[in-house]
Amino acid sequence: MVGSNFGIIYHNSAGGAGSHVNHGQSSGGGGGGDRERTTPASHLSDFMSQLEDYTPLIPDAVTSHYLNMGGFQSDDKRIIRLISLAAQKYMSDIIDDALQHSKARTHMQTTNTPGGSKAKDRKFTLTMEDLQPALADYGINVRKMDYSQ
């Protein structure tokens, strides 16, 4: 979508403090030159204030622990939650790629077997067979240990 703001909500200074204008949707009228856009710094401050109310899947204590092990110290919970959110997104992308690998692998197995099962409500299990190529796409090398040593 060229020229779209991808659903970013801008605050309208003419309305009250709680009014939002979604620039992705037309509210009728003319060309849209009457809307006032705020600066990127205010977008960042709005996002950071929203992080105070957001609870990521990775607890703050876990993120703080690993950041402290890496030498990073912060008392601002918004920074900790921002890093937790980034880690959550990274893990989500890897798991989604592993799911796609699993679907492709199981599709190939069902097409090669005569009759093939067509289960629409199939449940997938995350295995190393699917996780390994997904991690390799992100530059993470995972191997099974040699048990002969």
Foldseek 3Di string as FASTA:
>chain_A
DPPAPVQDWFDFPVDDPPDIDGPRDDPDDDDPPPGDGDDVVVVVVVVLVVLVVDQAPDHLVVLQVVCVVVPDDDPDSSVSSVVSVVVVVVVVQLVVQLVVQVVVVLVVVQVPDPPGDDDPPDDDDRDCVSNQVSVVVVVDHDDDDDPVD
